[in-house]
Amino acid sequence: MRMPNLVDVILLDIDGVLLPFGDNTSDGYNNNETSTQDSCLFPDNTMHALTMLLQKMSNLSFNTTSNHVKNGNPVLVLSSTWRARPEFIRDILNSFQIYANKKGSKDASILQTWKEANCLDSFFDITDPSYHSTRHDEIMKWVKENTTTSVVGENKKHKKSFVVRSWIALDDEDIVAVEGQQHKEMLEHAVQTNSSNGLTKEDVALGVELIKKQISRYHE
């Protein structure tokens, strides 16, 4: 696995993001369905949106003051409650593989996008599976522990240090207004989805804009 130095993190929730609630998915998926060897847990529309986000983030490039172009480098960190069950994590990754292989057979760029993100076999990291609080606090615990060059990922697979250059959180929960408190600093990181629809192209556009602003600021 390619071990990047600068990473642009997508903290990924599942329920209400990749797996919408209710019966609004176009492919007949439902929340009680389990992943099989040849079926994806998630509807095409949300998987397409996540793929689009990975592609758009990967294609970002910036000229620094030293005229070096810095490309976007998206990685996925699982922040969902699904992180607490290894078999659920396997189901997610299995679904990623199924989607990428199926769609990649018709459009090679889709499979290439998922391979470059290195998230077909494992997540870059997961938020602490033993720490359960508000989603805001769970996310911020990971961010605070991983915003130095000397920190190694929670899953202990990273032999090289990494730098979190930018990050966004895809979640159907409000991580800005939490228990009566306003965390306005989260506005530049939060992408709140509609739980009935899941991730949309509008959410992707917001996420890309937030990442662009953070990367630009990092390289100022």
N, C-alpha and C. Protein backbone atom coordinates (compact mmCIF):
# COMPACT_ATOMS: atom_id res chain seq x y z
N MET A 1 0.85 -1.20 0.00
CA MET A 1 0.00 0.00 0.00
C MET A 1 0.87 1.24 0.00
N ARG A 2 0.51 2.19 -0.87
CA ARG A 2 1.23 3.45 -0.93
C ARG A 2 0.98 4.23 0.35
N MET A 3 2.03 4.67 1.01
CA MET A 3 1.90 5.38 2.27
C MET A 3 2.12 6.87 2.05
N PRO A 4 1.05 7.63 1.92
CA PRO A 4 1.21 9.06 1.62
C PRO A 4 1.70 9.83 2.82
N ASN A 5 2.27 10.98 2.54
CA ASN A 5 2.67 11.88 3.61
C ASN A 5 1.52 12.85 3.91
N LEU A 6 1.13 13.64 2.91
CA LEU A 6 0.00 14.54 3.08
C LEU A 6 -1.28 13.82 2.70
N VAL A 7 -2.26 13.81 3.60
CA VAL A 7 -3.52 13.13 3.31
C VAL A 7 -4.68 14.09 3.48
N ASP A 8 -5.70 13.88 2.66
CA ASP A 8 -6.94 14.65 2.71
C ASP A 8 -8.03 13.68 3.14
N VAL A 9 -8.46 13.82 4.38
CA VAL A 9 -9.25 12.78 5.04
C VAL A 9 -10.75 12.98 4.84
N ILE A 10 -11.42 11.88 4.51
CA ILE A 10 -12.87 11.82 4.50
C ILE A 10 -13.29 10.92 5.66
N LEU A 11 -13.87 11.53 6.70
CA LEU A 11 -14.41 10.75 7.81
C LEU A 11 -15.81 10.31 7.41
N LEU A 12 -16.00 9.01 7.30
CA LEU A 12 -17.17 8.45 6.65
C LEU A 12 -18.13 7.77 7.62
N ASP A 13 -19.34 8.30 7.69
CA ASP A 13 -20.44 7.63 8.36
C ASP A 13 -21.11 6.70 7.34
N ILE A 14 -21.88 5.74 7.81
CA ILE A 14 -22.54 4.81 6.90
C ILE A 14 -24.05 5.04 6.85
N ASP A 15 -24.74 4.84 7.98
CA ASP A 15 -26.19 5.01 8.00
C ASP A 15 -26.57 6.45 7.74
N GLY A 16 -27.41 6.66 6.75
CA GLY A 16 -27.82 8.01 6.39
C GLY A 16 -26.86 8.70 5.44
N VAL A 17 -25.74 8.05 5.13
CA VAL A 17 -24.76 8.60 4.18
C VAL A 17 -24.63 7.67 2.98
N LEU A 18 -24.06 6.50 3.19
CA LEU A 18 -24.03 5.50 2.12
C LEU A 18 -25.28 4.65 2.10
N LEU A 19 -25.89 4.48 3.27
CA LEU A 19 -27.09 3.65 3.37
C LEU A 19 -28.24 4.52 3.86
N PRO A 20 -29.03 5.06 2.93
CA PRO A 20 -30.14 5.94 3.33
C PRO A 20 -31.18 5.18 4.14
N PHE A 21 -31.89 5.91 4.98
CA PHE A 21 -32.99 5.33 5.73
C PHE A 21 -34.25 5.36 4.88
N GLY A 22 -35.17 4.44 5.14
CA GLY A 22 -36.43 4.43 4.41
C GLY A 22 -36.33 3.71 3.09
N ASP A 23 -37.27 3.99 2.22
CA ASP A 23 -37.38 3.27 0.94
C ASP A 23 -37.10 4.17 -0.25
N ASN A 24 -36.18 5.11 -0.07
CA ASN A 24 -35.94 6.08 -1.13
C ASN A 24 -34.79 5.71 -2.05
N THR A 25 -34.24 4.52 -1.89
CA THR A 25 -33.14 4.12 -2.76
C THR A 25 -33.69 3.53 -4.05
N SER A 26 -32.98 3.75 -5.14
CA SER A 26 -33.49 3.39 -6.45
C SER A 26 -33.32 1.92 -6.78
N ASP A 27 -32.49 1.21 -6.05
CA ASP A 27 -32.17 -0.16 -6.44
C ASP A 27 -32.78 -1.21 -5.51
N GLY A 28 -33.69 -0.80 -4.63
CA GLY A 28 -34.37 -1.77 -3.80
C GLY A 28 -33.58 -2.26 -2.62
N TYR A 29 -32.57 -1.54 -2.21
CA TYR A 29 -31.81 -1.92 -1.03
C TYR A 29 -32.63 -1.58 0.20
N ASN A 30 -32.37 -2.28 1.29
CA ASN A 30 -33.01 -1.92 2.55
C ASN A 30 -32.04 -2.13 3.68
N ASN A 31 -32.33 -1.52 4.82
CA ASN A 31 -31.38 -1.49 5.94
C ASN A 31 -31.17 -2.84 6.58
N ASN A 32 -32.00 -3.83 6.27
CA ASN A 32 -31.86 -5.14 6.89
C ASN A 32 -31.11 -6.12 6.00
N GLU A 33 -30.78 -5.67 4.80
CA GLU A 33 -30.09 -6.55 3.87
C GLU A 33 -28.65 -6.77 4.31
N THR A 34 -28.16 -7.99 4.17
CA THR A 34 -26.77 -8.28 4.50
C THR A 34 -25.99 -8.47 3.22
N SER A 35 -24.73 -8.16 3.30
CA SER A 35 -23.89 -8.27 2.12
C SER A 35 -23.59 -9.73 1.81
N THR A 36 -23.65 -10.07 0.52
CA THR A 36 -23.27 -11.41 0.09
C THR A 36 -22.08 -11.28 -0.83
N GLN A 37 -21.65 -12.41 -1.35
CA GLN A 37 -20.44 -12.39 -2.16
C GLN A 37 -20.60 -11.56 -3.42
N ASP A 38 -21.83 -11.43 -3.92
CA ASP A 38 -22.02 -10.71 -5.18
C ASP A 38 -23.01 -9.56 -5.09
N SER A 39 -23.32 -9.10 -3.87
CA SER A 39 -24.25 -7.98 -3.73
C SER A 39 -23.62 -6.87 -2.90
N CYS A 40 -23.96 -5.65 -3.27
CA CYS A 40 -23.46 -4.48 -2.55
C CYS A 40 -24.52 -4.02 -1.57
N LEU A 41 -24.11 -3.66 -0.38
CA LEU A 41 -25.04 -3.17 0.63
C LEU A 41 -25.64 -1.82 0.28
N PHE A 42 -24.96 -1.05 -0.53
CA PHE A 42 -25.30 0.35 -0.71
C PHE A 42 -25.83 0.62 -2.12
N PRO A 43 -26.79 1.53 -2.25
CA PRO A 43 -27.35 1.84 -3.57
C PRO A 43 -26.35 2.54 -4.46
N ASP A 44 -26.57 2.40 -5.77
CA ASP A 44 -25.64 2.97 -6.73
C ASP A 44 -25.51 4.48 -6.58
N ASN A 45 -26.61 5.16 -6.23
CA ASN A 45 -26.54 6.63 -6.21
C ASN A 45 -25.58 7.14 -5.15
N THR A 46 -25.55 6.53 -3.96
CA THR A 46 -24.63 7.01 -2.93
C THR A 46 -23.20 6.56 -3.23
N MET A 47 -23.05 5.35 -3.77
CA MET A 47 -21.71 4.88 -4.13
C MET A 47 -21.15 5.72 -5.28
N HIS A 48 -22.01 6.10 -6.20
CA HIS A 48 -21.55 6.97 -7.30
C HIS A 48 -21.10 8.32 -6.73
N ALA A 49 -21.84 8.84 -5.77
CA ALA A 49 -21.47 10.13 -5.18
C ALA A 49 -20.13 10.03 -4.46
N LEU A 50 -19.91 8.95 -3.71
CA LEU A 50 -18.63 8.79 -3.01
C LEU A 50 -17.49 8.64 -4.01
N THR A 51 -17.73 7.89 -5.08
CA THR A 51 -16.71 7.75 -6.13
C THR A 51 -16.39 9.11 -6.74
N MET A 52 -17.41 9.91 -6.99
CA MET A 52 -17.22 11.25 -7.55
C MET A 52 -16.39 12.11 -6.60
N LEU A 53 -16.66 11.99 -5.30
CA LEU A 53 -15.89 12.76 -4.32
C LEU A 53 -14.42 12.35 -4.35
N LEU A 54 -14.16 11.05 -4.37
CA LEU A 54 -12.77 10.58 -4.44
C LEU A 54 -12.09 11.09 -5.71
N GLN A 55 -12.79 11.03 -6.83
CA GLN A 55 -12.21 11.48 -8.10
C GLN A 55 -11.90 12.97 -8.07
N LYS A 56 -12.86 13.77 -7.63
CA LYS A 56 -12.67 15.21 -7.62
C LYS A 56 -11.57 15.63 -6.66
N MET A 57 -11.49 14.96 -5.51
CA MET A 57 -10.42 15.28 -4.56
C MET A 57 -9.06 14.87 -5.12
N SER A 58 -9.00 13.73 -5.78
CA SER A 58 -7.73 13.27 -6.36
C SER A 58 -7.23 14.20 -7.43
N ASN A 59 -8.16 14.82 -8.16
CA ASN A 59 -7.79 15.66 -9.28
C ASN A 59 -7.47 17.11 -8.88
N LEU A 60 -7.65 17.43 -7.62
CA LEU A 60 -7.30 18.77 -7.17
C LEU A 60 -5.79 18.98 -7.27
N SER A 61 -5.38 20.13 -7.71
CA SER A 61 -3.95 20.44 -7.74
C SER A 61 -3.75 21.92 -7.48
N PHE A 62 -2.63 22.24 -6.85
CA PHE A 62 -2.37 23.62 -6.45
C PHE A 62 -0.91 23.95 -6.69
N ASN A 63 -0.68 25.15 -7.16
CA ASN A 63 0.68 25.64 -7.28
C ASN A 63 1.07 26.34 -5.99
N THR A 64 2.13 25.88 -5.39
CA THR A 64 2.61 26.49 -4.16
C THR A 64 3.53 27.65 -4.51
N THR A 65 4.01 28.32 -3.51
CA THR A 65 4.92 29.45 -3.72
C THR A 65 6.22 29.00 -4.38
N SER A 66 6.55 27.72 -4.24
CA SER A 66 7.77 27.20 -4.87
C SER A 66 7.47 26.55 -6.22
N ASN A 67 6.24 26.78 -6.72
CA ASN A 67 5.82 26.31 -8.04
C ASN A 67 5.70 24.80 -8.15
N HIS A 68 5.59 24.11 -7.04
CA HIS A 68 5.36 22.67 -7.06
C HIS A 68 3.86 22.41 -7.00
N VAL A 69 3.40 21.49 -7.81
CA VAL A 69 1.98 21.15 -7.83
C VAL A 69 1.71 20.08 -6.78
N LYS A 70 0.75 20.33 -5.91
CA LYS A 70 0.39 19.39 -4.87
C LYS A 70 -0.97 18.78 -5.20
N ASN A 71 -1.01 17.51 -5.48
CA ASN A 71 -2.26 16.86 -5.83
C ASN A 71 -3.06 16.49 -4.59
N GLY A 72 -4.38 16.39 -4.77
CA GLY A 72 -5.21 15.91 -3.69
C GLY A 72 -4.92 14.44 -3.42
N ASN A 73 -5.07 14.01 -2.19
CA ASN A 73 -4.77 12.63 -1.81
C ASN A 73 -5.82 12.13 -0.82
N PRO A 74 -7.03 11.77 -1.30
CA PRO A 74 -8.11 11.38 -0.39
C PRO A 74 -7.89 10.01 0.24
N VAL A 75 -8.22 9.92 1.52
CA VAL A 75 -8.21 8.65 2.24
C VAL A 75 -9.50 8.57 3.05
N LEU A 76 -9.95 7.35 3.30
CA LEU A 76 -11.20 7.13 4.04
C LEU A 76 -10.92 6.67 5.46
N VAL A 77 -11.54 7.36 6.41
CA VAL A 77 -11.49 6.97 7.82
C VAL A 77 -12.92 6.67 8.25
N LEU A 78 -13.16 5.47 8.73
CA LEU A 78 -14.51 5.07 9.12
C LEU A 78 -14.86 5.66 10.47
N SER A 79 -15.93 6.48 10.51
CA SER A 79 -16.37 7.10 11.77
C SER A 79 -17.71 6.58 12.23
N SER A 80 -18.31 5.69 11.46
CA SER A 80 -19.62 5.14 11.77
C SER A 80 -19.58 4.20 12.97
N THR A 81 -20.73 3.99 13.60
CA THR A 81 -20.82 2.98 14.66
C THR A 81 -20.51 1.58 14.13
N TRP A 82 -20.56 1.40 12.82
CA TRP A 82 -20.19 0.12 12.21
C TRP A 82 -18.75 -0.25 12.53
N ARG A 83 -17.95 0.72 12.92
CA ARG A 83 -16.54 0.46 13.20
C ARG A 83 -16.34 -0.49 14.37
N ALA A 84 -17.36 -0.64 15.23
CA ALA A 84 -17.23 -1.45 16.43
C ALA A 84 -17.36 -2.94 16.15
N ARG A 85 -17.77 -3.32 14.94
CA ARG A 85 -17.97 -4.73 14.60
C ARG A 85 -17.09 -5.10 13.41
N PRO A 86 -16.07 -5.92 13.62
CA PRO A 86 -15.19 -6.29 12.51
C PRO A 86 -15.93 -6.86 11.31
N GLU A 87 -16.99 -7.64 11.56
CA GLU A 87 -17.73 -8.22 10.46
C GLU A 87 -18.47 -7.15 9.66
N PHE A 88 -18.88 -6.06 10.33
CA PHE A 88 -19.52 -4.96 9.61
C PHE A 88 -18.51 -4.22 8.73
N ILE A 89 -17.30 -4.06 9.25
CA ILE A 89 -16.24 -3.43 8.45
C ILE A 89 -15.95 -4.27 7.22
N ARG A 90 -15.91 -5.58 7.39
CA ARG A 90 -15.69 -6.46 6.25
C ARG A 90 -16.81 -6.32 5.22
N ASP A 91 -18.05 -6.19 5.69
CA ASP A 91 -19.18 -6.02 4.78
C ASP A 91 -19.06 -4.73 3.98
N ILE A 92 -18.62 -3.66 4.63
CA ILE A 92 -18.44 -2.38 3.93
C ILE A 92 -17.39 -2.52 2.84
N LEU A 93 -16.25 -3.07 3.21
CA LEU A 93 -15.15 -3.21 2.25
C LEU A 93 -15.52 -4.17 1.12
N ASN A 94 -16.25 -5.22 1.46
CA ASN A 94 -16.73 -6.14 0.44
C ASN A 94 -17.63 -5.42 -0.56
N SER A 95 -18.48 -4.54 -0.04
CA SER A 95 -19.37 -3.78 -0.91
C SER A 95 -18.58 -2.82 -1.80
N PHE A 96 -17.54 -2.20 -1.24
CA PHE A 96 -16.68 -1.34 -2.05
C PHE A 96 -16.08 -2.12 -3.22
N GLN A 97 -15.58 -3.32 -2.92
CA GLN A 97 -14.95 -4.14 -3.95
C GLN A 97 -15.95 -4.54 -5.03
N ILE A 98 -17.15 -4.94 -4.59
CA ILE A 98 -18.19 -5.35 -5.54
C ILE A 98 -18.55 -4.20 -6.47
N TYR A 99 -18.77 -3.03 -5.88
CA TYR A 99 -19.14 -1.86 -6.68
C TYR A 99 -18.02 -1.50 -7.64
N ALA A 100 -16.80 -1.40 -7.13
CA ALA A 100 -15.66 -0.97 -7.96
C ALA A 100 -15.42 -1.94 -9.11
N ASN A 101 -15.52 -3.23 -8.84
CA ASN A 101 -15.29 -4.23 -9.89
C ASN A 101 -16.41 -4.23 -10.92
N LYS A 102 -17.65 -4.12 -10.43
CA LYS A 102 -18.80 -4.14 -11.35
C LYS A 102 -18.81 -2.91 -12.25
N LYS A 103 -18.68 -1.74 -11.65
CA LYS A 103 -18.70 -0.51 -12.44
C LYS A 103 -17.40 -0.34 -13.21
N GLY A 104 -16.32 -0.84 -12.64
CA GLY A 104 -15.02 -0.72 -13.30
C GLY A 104 -14.91 -1.55 -14.55
N SER A 105 -15.75 -2.57 -14.68
CA SER A 105 -15.74 -3.39 -15.89
C SER A 105 -16.26 -2.61 -17.09
N LYS A 106 -17.03 -1.54 -16.81
CA LYS A 106 -17.58 -0.70 -17.88
C LYS A 106 -16.84 0.64 -17.97
N ASP A 107 -16.28 1.06 -16.85
CA ASP A 107 -15.56 2.35 -16.81
C ASP A 107 -14.32 2.15 -15.95
N ALA A 108 -13.18 1.97 -16.62
CA ALA A 108 -11.93 1.66 -15.92
C ALA A 108 -11.53 2.75 -14.93
N SER A 109 -11.96 3.98 -15.16
CA SER A 109 -11.57 5.08 -14.28
C SER A 109 -12.17 4.90 -12.88
N ILE A 110 -13.31 4.25 -12.78
CA ILE A 110 -13.94 4.02 -11.47
C ILE A 110 -13.09 3.07 -10.63
N LEU A 111 -12.71 1.95 -11.24
CA LEU A 111 -11.86 1.00 -10.52
C LEU A 111 -10.53 1.63 -10.16
N GLN A 112 -9.97 2.42 -11.07
CA GLN A 112 -8.70 3.08 -10.81
C GLN A 112 -8.82 4.05 -9.64
N THR A 113 -9.94 4.76 -9.57
CA THR A 113 -10.16 5.70 -8.47
C THR A 113 -10.14 4.99 -7.13
N TRP A 114 -10.82 3.88 -7.04
CA TRP A 114 -10.88 3.14 -5.78
C TRP A 114 -9.54 2.52 -5.43
N LYS A 115 -8.82 2.06 -6.44
CA LYS A 115 -7.50 1.49 -6.18
C LYS A 115 -6.54 2.56 -5.69
N GLU A 116 -6.59 3.73 -6.28
CA GLU A 116 -5.68 4.80 -5.87
C GLU A 116 -5.99 5.29 -4.47
N ALA A 117 -7.25 5.18 -4.05
CA ALA A 117 -7.63 5.59 -2.70
C ALA A 117 -7.26 4.53 -1.66
N ASN A 118 -6.82 3.36 -2.12
CA ASN A 118 -6.37 2.30 -1.22
C ASN A 118 -7.41 1.92 -0.17
N CYS A 119 -8.68 1.85 -0.58
CA CYS A 119 -9.72 1.55 0.40
C CYS A 119 -10.59 0.37 -0.03
N LEU A 120 -10.04 -0.50 -0.87
CA LEU A 120 -10.79 -1.69 -1.24
C LEU A 120 -10.55 -2.83 -0.26
N ASP A 121 -9.39 -2.84 0.36
CA ASP A 121 -9.05 -3.92 1.30
C ASP A 121 -9.08 -3.48 2.76
N SER A 122 -8.95 -2.18 2.98
CA SER A 122 -8.94 -1.68 4.36
C SER A 122 -9.18 -0.18 4.34
N PHE A 123 -9.63 0.34 5.45
CA PHE A 123 -9.72 1.78 5.61
C PHE A 123 -8.35 2.32 5.99
N PHE A 124 -8.11 3.57 5.65
CA PHE A 124 -6.88 4.21 6.08
C PHE A 124 -6.78 4.15 7.60
N ASP A 125 -7.92 4.34 8.25
CA ASP A 125 -7.99 4.27 9.71
C ASP A 125 -9.46 4.22 10.12
N ILE A 126 -9.71 4.05 11.40
CA ILE A 126 -11.06 4.14 11.96
C ILE A 126 -10.98 4.98 13.22
N THR A 127 -12.08 5.65 13.54
CA THR A 127 -12.11 6.34 14.82
C THR A 127 -12.16 5.30 15.93
N ASP A 128 -11.79 5.69 17.12
CA ASP A 128 -11.63 4.77 18.25
C ASP A 128 -12.89 3.93 18.46
N PRO A 129 -12.83 2.62 18.25
CA PRO A 129 -14.03 1.78 18.39
C PRO A 129 -14.48 1.60 19.84
N SER A 130 -13.63 1.95 20.79
CA SER A 130 -13.98 1.80 22.20
C SER A 130 -14.44 3.10 22.83
N TYR A 131 -14.42 4.18 22.04
CA TYR A 131 -14.82 5.49 22.56
C TYR A 131 -16.17 5.86 21.96
N HIS A 132 -17.19 5.97 22.82
CA HIS A 132 -18.54 6.26 22.35
C HIS A 132 -19.05 7.51 23.05
N SER A 133 -19.24 8.56 22.24
CA SER A 133 -19.72 9.83 22.76
C SER A 133 -20.59 10.46 21.68
N THR A 134 -20.69 11.78 21.63
CA THR A 134 -21.36 12.40 20.48
C THR A 134 -20.47 12.18 19.26
N ARG A 135 -21.08 12.21 18.08
CA ARG A 135 -20.28 12.02 16.87
C ARG A 135 -19.23 13.12 16.74
N HIS A 136 -19.59 14.33 17.16
CA HIS A 136 -18.63 15.43 17.15
C HIS A 136 -17.40 15.08 17.97
N ASP A 137 -17.60 14.58 19.18
CA ASP A 137 -16.47 14.27 20.06
C ASP A 137 -15.66 13.08 19.54
N GLU A 138 -16.34 12.09 18.97
CA GLU A 138 -15.63 10.94 18.41
C GLU A 138 -14.73 11.37 17.26
N ILE A 139 -15.25 12.24 16.41
CA ILE A 139 -14.46 12.73 15.28
C ILE A 139 -13.30 13.59 15.74
N MET A 140 -13.58 14.50 16.67
CA MET A 140 -12.53 15.41 17.12
C MET A 140 -11.43 14.68 17.88
N LYS A 141 -11.77 13.61 18.54
CA LYS A 141 -10.74 12.80 19.21
C LYS A 141 -9.75 12.27 18.17
N TRP A 142 -10.28 11.75 17.06
CA TRP A 142 -9.39 11.24 16.01
C TRP A 142 -8.57 12.37 15.41
N VAL A 143 -9.23 13.50 15.10
CA VAL A 143 -8.53 14.61 14.47
C VAL A 143 -7.39 15.12 15.36
N LYS A 144 -7.66 15.29 16.63
CA LYS A 144 -6.64 15.81 17.55
C LYS A 144 -5.47 14.84 17.69
N GLU A 145 -5.77 13.56 17.65
CA GLU A 145 -4.71 12.55 17.80
C GLU A 145 -3.91 12.35 16.52
N ASN A 146 -4.40 12.88 15.42
CA ASN A 146 -3.77 12.58 14.13
C ASN A 146 -3.39 13.81 13.32
N THR A 147 -3.20 14.92 13.98
CA THR A 147 -2.83 16.14 13.26
C THR A 147 -1.40 16.56 13.55
N THR A 148 -0.55 15.59 13.83
CA THR A 148 0.89 15.84 13.95
C THR A 148 1.62 14.87 13.04
N THR A 149 2.84 15.22 12.68
CA THR A 149 3.61 14.39 11.75
C THR A 149 4.10 13.11 12.39
N SER A 150 4.04 13.00 13.70
CA SER A 150 4.62 11.83 14.36
C SER A 150 3.60 10.79 14.75
N VAL A 151 2.34 11.05 14.49
CA VAL A 151 1.29 10.13 14.91
C VAL A 151 1.14 9.01 13.90
N VAL A 152 0.96 7.80 14.40
CA VAL A 152 0.70 6.64 13.56
C VAL A 152 -0.76 6.30 13.69
N GLY A 153 -1.37 5.83 12.61
CA GLY A 153 -2.81 5.55 12.60
C GLY A 153 -3.24 4.58 13.68
N GLU A 154 -4.51 4.71 14.05
CA GLU A 154 -5.11 3.90 15.11
C GLU A 154 -4.96 2.41 14.84
N ASN A 155 -5.01 2.02 13.55
CA ASN A 155 -4.96 0.60 13.22
C ASN A 155 -3.54 0.06 13.16
N LYS A 156 -2.55 0.92 13.45
CA LYS A 156 -1.15 0.49 13.58
C LYS A 156 -0.55 -0.07 12.30
N LYS A 157 -1.17 0.19 11.14
CA LYS A 157 -0.64 -0.34 9.90
C LYS A 157 0.33 0.62 9.22
N HIS A 158 0.35 1.86 9.67
CA HIS A 158 1.15 2.86 8.99
C HIS A 158 2.57 2.91 9.55
N LYS A 159 3.53 2.50 8.73
CA LYS A 159 4.91 2.49 9.17
C LYS A 159 5.54 3.87 9.03
N LYS A 160 4.94 4.72 8.20
CA LYS A 160 5.44 6.07 8.02
C LYS A 160 4.45 7.05 8.61
N SER A 161 4.95 8.18 9.05
CA SER A 161 4.08 9.20 9.59
C SER A 161 3.31 9.85 8.46
N PHE A 162 2.21 10.50 8.79
CA PHE A 162 1.42 11.22 7.80
C PHE A 162 0.96 12.54 8.40
N VAL A 163 0.62 13.44 7.51
CA VAL A 163 0.13 14.75 7.91
C VAL A 163 -1.29 14.92 7.37
N VAL A 164 -2.21 15.24 8.26
CA VAL A 164 -3.59 15.54 7.83
C VAL A 164 -3.60 16.96 7.29
N ARG A 165 -3.64 17.08 5.98
CA ARG A 165 -3.63 18.39 5.34
C ARG A 165 -5.02 19.02 5.34
N SER A 166 -6.03 18.18 5.18
CA SER A 166 -7.41 18.67 5.17
C SER A 166 -8.32 17.52 5.58
N TRP A 167 -9.51 17.85 6.05
CA TRP A 167 -10.45 16.79 6.39
C TRP A 167 -11.88 17.30 6.36
N ILE A 168 -12.78 16.38 5.99
CA ILE A 168 -14.21 16.63 6.08
C ILE A 168 -14.88 15.43 6.72
N ALA A 169 -16.04 15.65 7.30
CA ALA A 169 -16.82 14.58 7.91
C ALA A 169 -18.15 14.47 7.19
N LEU A 170 -18.40 13.31 6.57
CA LEU A 170 -19.68 13.04 5.94
C LEU A 170 -20.57 12.34 6.96
N ASP A 171 -21.64 12.99 7.37
CA ASP A 171 -22.46 12.44 8.45
C ASP A 171 -23.87 13.00 8.35
N ASP A 172 -24.86 12.19 8.71
CA ASP A 172 -26.22 12.72 8.74
C ASP A 172 -26.53 13.37 10.08
N GLU A 173 -25.63 13.25 11.05
CA GLU A 173 -25.79 13.94 12.32
C GLU A 173 -25.20 15.35 12.21
N ASP A 174 -25.75 16.25 13.00
CA ASP A 174 -25.23 17.63 13.05
C ASP A 174 -24.02 17.66 13.97
N ILE A 175 -22.83 17.89 13.41
CA ILE A 175 -21.62 17.95 14.24
C ILE A 175 -21.20 19.39 14.51
N VAL A 176 -22.05 20.33 14.07
CA VAL A 176 -21.80 21.74 14.35
C VAL A 176 -22.54 22.18 15.60
N ALA A 177 -23.85 21.90 15.65
CA ALA A 177 -24.67 22.20 16.82
C ALA A 177 -24.86 20.91 17.60
N VAL A 178 -24.21 20.84 18.78
CA VAL A 178 -24.20 19.60 19.55
C VAL A 178 -24.59 19.88 20.99
N GLU A 179 -25.67 19.27 21.43
CA GLU A 179 -26.12 19.38 22.81
C GLU A 179 -26.16 20.83 23.29
N GLY A 180 -26.74 21.68 22.46
CA GLY A 180 -26.91 23.09 22.84
C GLY A 180 -25.69 23.97 22.61
N GLN A 181 -24.60 23.39 22.14
CA GLN A 181 -23.39 24.16 21.89
C GLN A 181 -23.14 24.28 20.39
N GLN A 182 -22.69 25.46 19.98
CA GLN A 182 -22.36 25.71 18.58
C GLN A 182 -20.85 25.60 18.39
N HIS A 183 -20.43 24.69 17.53
CA HIS A 183 -19.01 24.53 17.22
C HIS A 183 -18.79 25.08 15.81
N LYS A 184 -18.71 26.41 15.72
CA LYS A 184 -18.66 27.06 14.42
C LYS A 184 -17.41 26.70 13.63
N GLU A 185 -16.34 26.30 14.33
CA GLU A 185 -15.12 25.89 13.63
C GLU A 185 -15.35 24.65 12.78
N MET A 186 -16.42 23.91 13.09
CA MET A 186 -16.72 22.69 12.34
C MET A 186 -17.38 22.98 11.00
N LEU A 187 -17.82 24.23 10.79
CA LEU A 187 -18.50 24.56 9.55
C LEU A 187 -17.61 24.32 8.33
N GLU A 188 -16.30 24.45 8.51
CA GLU A 188 -15.39 24.25 7.37
C GLU A 188 -15.03 22.78 7.18
N HIS A 189 -15.65 21.90 7.97
CA HIS A 189 -15.36 20.47 7.86
C HIS A 189 -16.62 19.61 7.70
N ALA A 190 -17.77 20.12 8.09
CA ALA A 190 -18.98 19.30 8.17
C ALA A 190 -19.76 19.27 6.86
N VAL A 191 -20.08 18.06 6.41
CA VAL A 191 -20.98 17.85 5.28
C VAL A 191 -22.13 16.99 5.80
N GLN A 192 -23.23 17.63 6.15
CA GLN A 192 -24.36 16.91 6.73
C GLN A 192 -25.31 16.46 5.63
N THR A 193 -25.52 15.17 5.54
CA THR A 193 -26.41 14.61 4.52
C THR A 193 -27.83 14.53 5.04
N ASN A 194 -28.77 14.42 4.12
CA ASN A 194 -30.15 14.11 4.45
C ASN A 194 -30.25 12.59 4.57
N SER A 195 -30.62 12.10 5.75
CA SER A 195 -30.57 10.66 6.00
C SER A 195 -31.49 9.86 5.09
N SER A 196 -32.53 10.48 4.57
CA SER A 196 -33.45 9.77 3.68
C SER A 196 -32.88 9.59 2.28
N ASN A 197 -31.96 10.47 1.90
CA ASN A 197 -31.38 10.42 0.56
C ASN A 197 -29.96 9.90 0.54
N GLY A 198 -29.23 10.10 1.62
CA GLY A 198 -27.82 9.74 1.63
C GLY A 198 -26.99 10.75 0.88
N LEU A 199 -25.76 10.39 0.58
CA LEU A 199 -24.81 11.29 -0.07
C LEU A 199 -25.26 11.65 -1.48
N THR A 200 -25.25 12.94 -1.81
CA THR A 200 -25.68 13.42 -3.12
C THR A 200 -24.57 14.22 -3.79
N LYS A 201 -24.79 14.56 -5.05
CA LYS A 201 -23.79 15.36 -5.78
C LYS A 201 -23.66 16.75 -5.18
N GLU A 202 -24.73 17.26 -4.56
CA GLU A 202 -24.65 18.55 -3.89
C GLU A 202 -23.75 18.47 -2.66
N ASP A 203 -23.84 17.36 -1.93
CA ASP A 203 -22.95 17.14 -0.79
C ASP A 203 -21.50 17.04 -1.26
N VAL A 204 -21.30 16.35 -2.38
CA VAL A 204 -19.96 16.21 -2.95
C VAL A 204 -19.38 17.58 -3.29
N ALA A 205 -20.20 18.44 -3.92
CA ALA A 205 -19.72 19.77 -4.30
C ALA A 205 -19.29 20.57 -3.07
N LEU A 206 -20.07 20.47 -1.99
CA LEU A 206 -19.71 21.16 -0.75
C LEU A 206 -18.42 20.59 -0.18
N GLY A 207 -18.31 19.27 -0.14
CA GLY A 207 -17.12 18.64 0.40
C GLY A 207 -15.86 19.04 -0.34
N VAL A 208 -15.94 19.06 -1.66
CA VAL A 208 -14.78 19.44 -2.47
C VAL A 208 -14.39 20.89 -2.20
N GLU A 209 -15.38 21.76 -2.08
CA GLU A 209 -15.10 23.17 -1.81
C GLU A 209 -14.42 23.35 -0.46
N LEU A 210 -14.87 22.62 0.55
CA LEU A 210 -14.26 22.70 1.88
C LEU A 210 -12.82 22.20 1.85
N ILE A 211 -12.59 21.11 1.13
CA ILE A 211 -11.24 20.56 1.02
C ILE A 211 -10.32 21.53 0.28
N LYS A 212 -10.81 22.12 -0.80
CA LYS A 212 -10.00 23.07 -1.57
C LYS A 212 -9.55 24.24 -0.70
N LYS A 213 -10.45 24.76 0.09
CA LYS A 213 -10.10 25.89 0.94
C LYS A 213 -9.03 25.50 1.97
N GLN A 214 -9.15 24.30 2.53
CA GLN A 214 -8.19 23.86 3.53
C GLN A 214 -6.82 23.60 2.91
N ILE A 215 -6.79 22.97 1.73
CA ILE A 215 -5.52 22.71 1.07
C ILE A 215 -4.84 24.02 0.69
N SER A 216 -5.61 24.95 0.16
CA SER A 216 -5.05 26.25 -0.21
C SER A 216 -4.44 26.95 1.00
N ARG A 217 -5.14 26.89 2.11
CA ARG A 217 -4.63 27.51 3.33
C ARG A 217 -3.38 26.81 3.82
N TYR A 218 -3.34 25.50 3.70
CA TYR A 218 -2.18 24.73 4.15
C TYR A 218 -0.92 25.14 3.39
N HIS A 219 -1.07 25.43 2.11
CA HIS A 219 0.09 25.73 1.26
C HIS A 219 0.35 27.23 1.12
N GLU A 220 -0.32 28.04 1.90
CA GLU A 220 -0.07 29.47 1.83
C GLU A 220 1.35 29.80 2.29
